Amino acid sequence: MKTPTQSSSPEMIQTTIGDLIEAVTQIALEAGKTEQEGYRLASLTLEKIFLKNRKEVKIVN
């Protein structure tokens, strides 16, 4: 039997991009040793999130 944390599909939440960026940045600033490191952590995290969820765009000529 699977527990809620072992579900086969990822949990979905509804949010805006702005709210996502703000939340990730706040967490990263708390985790970073310096402000610069915090912003770098936020940047890398957001990049990974966006690239993971990017859909391939087909160009039609």
Protein backbone atom coordinates (compact mmCIF):
# COMPACT_ATOMS: atom_id res chain seq x y z
CA MET A 1 0.00 0.00 0.00
CA LYS A 2 1.35 3.42 -0.95
CA THR A 3 1.39 6.27 1.51
CA PRO A 4 0.47 9.81 0.33
CA THR A 5 4.17 10.68 -0.02
CA GLN A 6 4.75 7.65 -2.24
CA SER A 7 2.14 8.46 -4.89
CA SER A 8 3.07 7.72 -8.46
CA SER A 9 2.15 11.20 -9.73
CA PRO A 10 3.68 14.44 -8.47
CA GLU A 11 1.59 16.75 -6.34
CA MET A 12 0.32 19.80 -8.22
CA ILE A 13 -0.14 23.27 -6.79
CA GLN A 14 -1.60 26.35 -8.42
CA THR A 15 0.51 29.52 -8.16
CA THR A 16 1.74 32.44 -10.22
CA ILE A 17 5.28 32.66 -11.54
CA GLY A 18 5.83 35.76 -9.42
CA ASP A 19 4.77 34.00 -6.23
CA LEU A 20 6.95 31.00 -7.09
CA ILE A 21 9.99 33.22 -7.69
CA GLU A 22 9.37 35.12 -4.45
CA ALA A 23 9.00 31.94 -2.37
CA VAL A 24 12.08 30.26 -3.85
CA THR A 25 14.12 33.44 -3.42
CA GLN A 26 13.12 33.85 0.24
CA ILE A 27 14.05 30.27 1.05
CA ALA A 28 17.33 30.53 -0.87
CA LEU A 29 18.29 33.77 0.90
CA GLU A 30 17.74 32.06 4.25
CA ALA A 31 19.82 29.06 3.17
CA GLY A 32 22.70 31.00 1.60
CA LYS A 33 25.69 32.12 3.62
CA THR A 34 25.70 35.47 1.80
CA GLU A 35 23.08 37.42 -0.11
CA GLN A 36 24.94 36.72 -3.34
CA GLU A 37 24.96 32.98 -2.63
CA GLY A 38 21.24 33.09 -1.81
CA TYR A 39 20.39 34.70 -5.12
CA ARG A 40 22.60 32.19 -6.95
CA LEU A 41 20.79 29.31 -5.21
CA ALA A 42 17.44 30.82 -6.18
CA SER A 43 18.56 31.24 -9.78
CA LEU A 44 19.77 27.66 -10.08
CA THR A 45 16.63 26.28 -8.44
CA LEU A 46 14.28 28.25 -10.68
CA GLU A 47 16.28 27.31 -13.76
CA LYS A 48 15.95 23.63 -12.87
CA ILE A 49 12.21 23.97 -12.25
CA PHE A 50 11.58 25.79 -15.52
CA LEU A 51 13.76 23.51 -17.63
CA LYS A 52 12.17 20.41 -16.13
CA ASN A 53 8.70 21.64 -17.01
CA ARG A 54 9.54 23.15 -20.41
CA LYS A 55 7.59 21.76 -23.30
CA GLU A 56 9.31 21.31 -26.62
CA VAL A 57 8.21 23.98 -29.07
CA LYS A 58 7.93 22.94 -32.70
CA ILE A 59 8.73 25.60 -35.27
CA VAL A 60 6.53 25.47 -38.35
CA ASN A 61 7.80 27.13 -41.51
